[in-house]
Amino acid sequence: MAQKKAVKKVSKKGVKKGDVYKCSVCGLAVRVDEVCGCIDACDIICCEKQMRPQKRA
């Protein structure tokens, strides 16, 4: 009998090309130019805190 492999669910809120993240401490903004393709979510850290996505205009 074949064993079933566990499949991790990918978050629908993944990072996309063109997304902008901003540091709430220093104000540095980062735009995503290339997506890494990791299965797990990647954290973008600045000033020892996770950067938050900025709303699109």
PDB file of N, CA and C in Angstrom:
ATOM      1  N   MET A   1       0.840  -1.183   0.000  1.00  0.00           N
ATOM      2  CA  MET A   1       0.000   0.000   0.000  1.00  0.00           C
ATOM      3  C   MET A   1       0.885   1.246   0.000  1.00  0.00           C
ATOM      4  N   ALA A   2       0.565   2.183  -0.867  1.00  0.00           N
ATOM      5  CA  ALA A   2       1.333   3.429  -0.970  1.00  0.00           C
ATOM      6  C   ALA A   2       0.940   4.381   0.148  1.00  0.00           C
ATOM      7  N   GLN A   3       1.949   5.054   0.687  1.00  0.00           N
ATOM      8  CA  GLN A   3       1.680   6.021   1.747  1.00  0.00           C
ATOM      9  C   GLN A   3       1.344   7.369   1.138  1.00  0.00           C
ATOM     10  N   LYS A   4       0.423   8.072   1.779  1.00  0.00           N
ATOM     11  CA  LYS A   4       0.063   9.417   1.329  1.00  0.00           C
ATOM     12  C   LYS A   4       1.038  10.411   1.936  1.00  0.00           C
ATOM     13  N   LYS A   5       1.478  11.366   1.137  1.00  0.00           N
ATOM     14  CA  LYS A   5       2.378  12.406   1.627  1.00  0.00           C
ATOM     15  C   LYS A   5       1.555  13.549   2.205  1.00  0.00           C
ATOM     16  N   ALA A   6       2.038  14.099   3.301  1.00  0.00           N
ATOM     17  CA  ALA A   6       1.370  15.255   3.906  1.00  0.00           C
ATOM     18  C   ALA A   6       1.609  16.470   3.023  1.00  0.00           C
ATOM     19  N   VAL A   7       0.568  17.185   2.738  1.00  0.00           N
ATOM     20  CA  VAL A   7       0.664  18.376   1.900  1.00  0.00           C
ATOM     21  C   VAL A   7       0.403  19.595   2.764  1.00  0.00           C
ATOM     22  N   LYS A   8       1.350  20.545   2.742  1.00  0.00           N
ATOM     23  CA  LYS A   8       1.170  21.796   3.482  1.00  0.00           C
ATOM     24  C   LYS A   8       0.330  22.735   2.646  1.00  0.00           C
ATOM     25  N   LYS A   9      -0.618  23.398   3.279  1.00  0.00           N
ATOM     26  CA  LYS A   9      -1.438  24.373   2.572  1.00  0.00           C
ATOM     27  C   LYS A   9      -0.669  25.669   2.433  1.00  0.00           C
ATOM     28  N   VAL A  10      -0.655  26.229   1.242  1.00  0.00           N
ATOM     29  CA  VAL A  10       0.020  27.492   0.983  1.00  0.00           C
ATOM     30  C   VAL A  10      -0.955  28.619   1.281  1.00  0.00           C
ATOM     31  N   SER A  11      -0.471  29.601   2.003  1.00  0.00           N
ATOM     32  CA  SER A  11      -1.300  30.754   2.355  1.00  0.00           C
ATOM     33  C   SER A  11      -1.714  31.520   1.107  1.00  0.00           C
ATOM     34  N   LYS A  12      -2.968  31.948   1.047  1.00  0.00           N
ATOM     35  CA  LYS A  12      -3.448  32.751  -0.073  1.00  0.00           C
ATOM     36  C   LYS A  12      -2.916  34.174   0.008  1.00  0.00           C
ATOM     37  N   LYS A  13      -2.370  34.536   1.167  1.00  0.00           N
ATOM     38  CA  LYS A  13      -1.839  35.880   1.363  1.00  0.00           C
ATOM     39  C   LYS A  13      -0.343  35.923   1.068  1.00  0.00           C
ATOM     40  N   GLY A  14       0.134  35.094   0.166  1.00  0.00           N
ATOM     41  CA  GLY A  14       1.550  35.042  -0.158  1.00  0.00           C
ATOM     42  C   GLY A  14       2.057  36.343  -0.744  1.00  0.00           C
ATOM     43  N   VAL A  15       3.344  36.502  -0.707  1.00  0.00           N
ATOM     44  CA  VAL A  15       3.987  37.689  -1.251  1.00  0.00           C
ATOM     45  C   VAL A  15       3.938  37.608  -2.773  1.00  0.00           C
ATOM     46  N   LYS A  16       3.566  38.707  -3.406  1.00  0.00           N
ATOM     47  CA  LYS A  16       3.491  38.764  -4.866  1.00  0.00           C
ATOM     48  C   LYS A  16       4.423  39.848  -5.391  1.00  0.00           C
ATOM     49  N   LYS A  17       4.843  39.691  -6.635  1.00  0.00           N
ATOM     50  CA  LYS A  17       5.693  40.689  -7.270  1.00  0.00           C
ATOM     51  C   LYS A  17       4.969  42.034  -7.279  1.00  0.00           C
ATOM     52  N   GLY A  18       5.659  43.081  -6.863  1.00  0.00           N
ATOM     53  CA  GLY A  18       5.079  44.419  -6.819  1.00  0.00           C
ATOM     54  C   GLY A  18       4.540  44.809  -5.457  1.00  0.00           C
ATOM     55  N   ASP A  19       4.411  43.857  -4.522  1.00  0.00           N
ATOM     56  CA  ASP A  19       3.944  44.182  -3.171  1.00  0.00           C
ATOM     57  C   ASP A  19       4.952  45.108  -2.490  1.00  0.00           C
ATOM     58  N   VAL A  20       4.457  46.008  -1.650  1.00  0.00           N
ATOM     59  CA  VAL A  20       5.315  46.945  -0.921  1.00  0.00           C
ATOM     60  C   VAL A  20       5.133  46.701   0.570  1.00  0.00           C
ATOM     61  N   TYR A  21       6.250  46.589   1.286  1.00  0.00           N
ATOM     62  CA  TYR A  21       6.243  46.404   2.728  1.00  0.00           C
ATOM     63  C   TYR A  21       6.940  47.592   3.364  1.00  0.00           C
ATOM     64  N   LYS A  22       6.400  48.058   4.511  1.00  0.00           N
ATOM     65  CA  LYS A  22       6.944  49.247   5.167  1.00  0.00           C
ATOM     66  C   LYS A  22       7.219  48.953   6.633  1.00  0.00           C
ATOM     67  N   CYS A  23       8.355  49.432   7.126  1.00  0.00           N
ATOM     68  CA  CYS A  23       8.739  49.275   8.531  1.00  0.00           C
ATOM     69  C   CYS A  23       7.987  50.312   9.363  1.00  0.00           C
ATOM     70  N   SER A  24       7.348  49.840  10.433  1.00  0.00           N
ATOM     71  CA  SER A  24       6.589  50.753  11.293  1.00  0.00           C
ATOM     72  C   SER A  24       7.493  51.545  12.234  1.00  0.00           C
ATOM     73  N   VAL A  25       8.774  51.182  12.332  1.00  0.00           N
ATOM     74  CA  VAL A  25       9.700  51.873  13.228  1.00  0.00           C
ATOM     75  C   VAL A  25      10.448  52.994  12.486  1.00  0.00           C
ATOM     76  N   CYS A  26      11.142  52.630  11.393  1.00  0.00           N
ATOM     77  CA  CYS A  26      11.986  53.626  10.713  1.00  0.00           C
ATOM     78  C   CYS A  26      11.384  54.158   9.412  1.00  0.00           C
ATOM     79  N   GLY A  27      10.349  53.485   8.890  1.00  0.00           N
ATOM     80  CA  GLY A  27       9.698  53.956   7.676  1.00  0.00           C
ATOM     81  C   GLY A  27      10.273  53.428   6.377  1.00  0.00           C
ATOM     82  N   LEU A  28      11.297  52.565   6.451  1.00  0.00           N
ATOM     83  CA  LEU A  28      11.888  51.989   5.247  1.00  0.00           C
ATOM     84  C   LEU A  28      10.823  51.208   4.482  1.00  0.00           C
ATOM     85  N   ALA A  29      10.754  51.390   3.164  1.00  0.00           N
ATOM     86  CA  ALA A  29       9.800  50.674   2.324  1.00  0.00           C
ATOM     87  C   ALA A  29      10.563  49.760   1.374  1.00  0.00           C
ATOM     88  N   VAL A  30      10.024  48.553   1.159  1.00  0.00           N
ATOM     89  CA  VAL A  30      10.650  47.559   0.293  1.00  0.00           C
ATOM     90  C   VAL A  30       9.617  47.072  -0.713  1.00  0.00           C
ATOM     91  N   ARG A  31       9.988  47.040  -2.010  1.00  0.00           N
ATOM     92  CA  ARG A  31       9.106  46.513  -3.045  1.00  0.00           C
ATOM     93  C   ARG A  31       9.641  45.149  -3.476  1.00  0.00           C
ATOM     94  N   VAL A  32       8.757  44.170  -3.627  1.00  0.00           N
ATOM     95  CA  VAL A  32       9.143  42.824  -4.034  1.00  0.00           C
ATOM     96  C   VAL A  32       9.319  42.812  -5.549  1.00  0.00           C
ATOM     97  N   ASP A  33      10.542  42.505  -6.000  1.00  0.00           N
ATOM     98  CA  ASP A  33      10.840  42.423  -7.425  1.00  0.00           C
ATOM     99  C   ASP A  33      10.874  40.977  -7.897  1.00  0.00           C
ATOM    100  N   GLU A  34      11.202  40.053  -6.977  1.00  0.00           N
ATOM    101  CA  GLU A  34      11.310  38.648  -7.337  1.00  0.00           C
ATOM    102  C   GLU A  34      10.786  37.807  -6.176  1.00  0.00           C
ATOM    103  N   VAL A  35       9.870  36.893  -6.456  1.00  0.00           N
ATOM    104  CA  VAL A  35       9.273  36.037  -5.430  1.00  0.00           C
ATOM    105  C   VAL A  35      10.139  34.800  -5.283  1.00  0.00           C
ATOM    106  N   CYS A  36      10.395  34.377  -4.033  1.00  0.00           N
ATOM    107  CA  CYS A  36      11.308  33.267  -3.783  1.00  0.00           C
ATOM    108  C   CYS A  36      10.695  31.900  -4.068  1.00  0.00           C
ATOM    109  N   GLY A  37       9.385  31.748  -3.933  1.00  0.00           N
ATOM    110  CA  GLY A  37       8.735  30.471  -4.203  1.00  0.00           C
ATOM    111  C   GLY A  37       8.763  29.501  -3.034  1.00  0.00           C
ATOM    112  N   CYS A  38       9.098  29.960  -1.843  1.00  0.00           N
ATOM    113  CA  CYS A  38       9.106  29.099  -0.662  1.00  0.00           C
ATOM    114  C   CYS A  38       7.693  28.604  -0.361  1.00  0.00           C
ATOM    115  N   ILE A  39       7.592  27.409   0.206  1.00  0.00           N
ATOM    116  CA  ILE A  39       6.292  26.868   0.596  1.00  0.00           C
ATOM    117  C   ILE A  39       5.778  27.624   1.808  1.00  0.00           C
ATOM    118  N   ASP A  40       6.643  27.821   2.797  1.00  0.00           N
ATOM    119  CA  ASP A  40       6.255  28.563   3.998  1.00  0.00           C
ATOM    120  C   ASP A  40       6.383  30.053   3.726  1.00  0.00           C
ATOM    121  N   ALA A  41       5.653  30.849   4.487  1.00  0.00           N
ATOM    122  CA  ALA A  41       5.717  32.303   4.335  1.00  0.00           C
ATOM    123  C   ALA A  41       7.080  32.810   4.798  1.00  0.00           C
ATOM    124  N   CYS A  42       7.632  33.766   4.086  1.00  0.00           N
ATOM    125  CA  CYS A  42       8.904  34.379   4.451  1.00  0.00           C
ATOM    126  C   CYS A  42       8.621  35.697   5.165  1.00  0.00           C
ATOM    127  N   ASP A  43       9.350  35.939   6.232  1.00  0.00           N
ATOM    128  CA  ASP A  43       9.192  37.171   6.978  1.00  0.00           C
ATOM    129  C   ASP A  43      10.198  38.197   6.467  1.00  0.00           C
ATOM    130  N   ILE A  44       9.754  39.431   6.320  1.00  0.00           N
ATOM    131  CA  ILE A  44      10.638  40.527   5.952  1.00  0.00           C
ATOM    132  C   ILE A  44      10.820  41.348   7.220  1.00  0.00           C
ATOM    133  N   ILE A  45      12.046  41.347   7.762  1.00  0.00           N
ATOM    134  CA  ILE A  45      12.320  41.936   9.064  1.00  0.00           C
ATOM    135  C   ILE A  45      13.148  43.214   8.926  1.00  0.00           C
ATOM    136  N   CYS A  46      12.775  44.240   9.690  1.00  0.00           N
ATOM    137  CA  CYS A  46      13.526  45.492   9.778  1.00  0.00           C
ATOM    138  C   CYS A  46      13.359  46.009  11.209  1.00  0.00           C
ATOM    139  N   CYS A  47      14.405  46.550  11.782  1.00  0.00           N
ATOM    140  CA  CYS A  47      14.361  47.072  13.162  1.00  0.00           C
ATOM    141  C   CYS A  47      13.835  46.019  14.138  1.00  0.00           C
ATOM    142  N   GLU A  48      14.191  44.754  13.883  1.00  0.00           N
ATOM    143  CA  GLU A  48      13.813  43.613  14.712  1.00  0.00           C
ATOM    144  C   GLU A  48      12.307  43.382  14.775  1.00  0.00           C
ATOM    145  N   LYS A  49      11.546  43.907  13.812  1.00  0.00           N
ATOM    146  CA  LYS A  49      10.096  43.700  13.734  1.00  0.00           C
ATOM    147  C   LYS A  49       9.727  43.304  12.317  1.00  0.00           C
ATOM    148  N   GLN A  50       8.662  42.521  12.203  1.00  0.00           N
ATOM    149  CA  GLN A  50       8.189  42.103  10.875  1.00  0.00           C
ATOM    150  C   GLN A  50       7.575  43.294  10.160  1.00  0.00           C
ATOM    151  N   MET A  51       7.985  43.495   8.894  1.00  0.00           N
ATOM    152  CA  MET A  51       7.439  44.591   8.096  1.00  0.00           C
ATOM    153  C   MET A  51       6.023  44.240   7.669  1.00  0.00           C
ATOM    154  N   ARG A  52       5.170  45.236   7.567  1.00  0.00           N
ATOM    155  CA  ARG A  52       3.780  45.025   7.210  1.00  0.00           C
ATOM    156  C   ARG A  52       3.515  45.454   5.789  1.00  0.00           C
ATOM    157  N   PRO A  53       2.619  44.735   5.102  1.00  0.00           N
ATOM    158  CA  PRO A  53       2.290  45.141   3.726  1.00  0.00           C
ATOM    159  C   PRO A  53       1.609  46.501   3.711  1.00  0.00           C
ATOM    160  N   GLN A  54       1.978  47.314   2.735  1.00  0.00           N
ATOM    161  CA  GLN A  54       1.383  48.628   2.571  1.00  0.00           C
ATOM    162  C   GLN A  54       0.216  48.490   1.611  1.00  0.00           C
ATOM    163  N   LYS A  55      -0.862  49.200   1.873  1.00  0.00           N
ATOM    164  CA  LYS A  55      -2.032  49.131   0.999  1.00  0.00           C
ATOM    165  C   LYS A  55      -1.704  49.682  -0.368  1.00  0.00           C
ATOM    166  N   ARG A  56      -2.239  49.034  -1.396  1.00  0.00           N
ATOM    167  CA  ARG A  56      -2.026  49.505  -2.771  1.00  0.00           C
ATOM    168  C   ARG A  56      -2.927  50.678  -3.061  1.00  0.00           C
ATOM    169  N   ALA A  57      -2.411  51.605  -3.827  1.00  0.00           N
ATOM    170  CA  ALA A  57      -3.192  52.806  -4.161  1.00  0.00           C
ATOM    171  C   ALA A  57      -4.117  52.565  -5.301  1.00  0.00           C
TER     172      ALA A  57
END
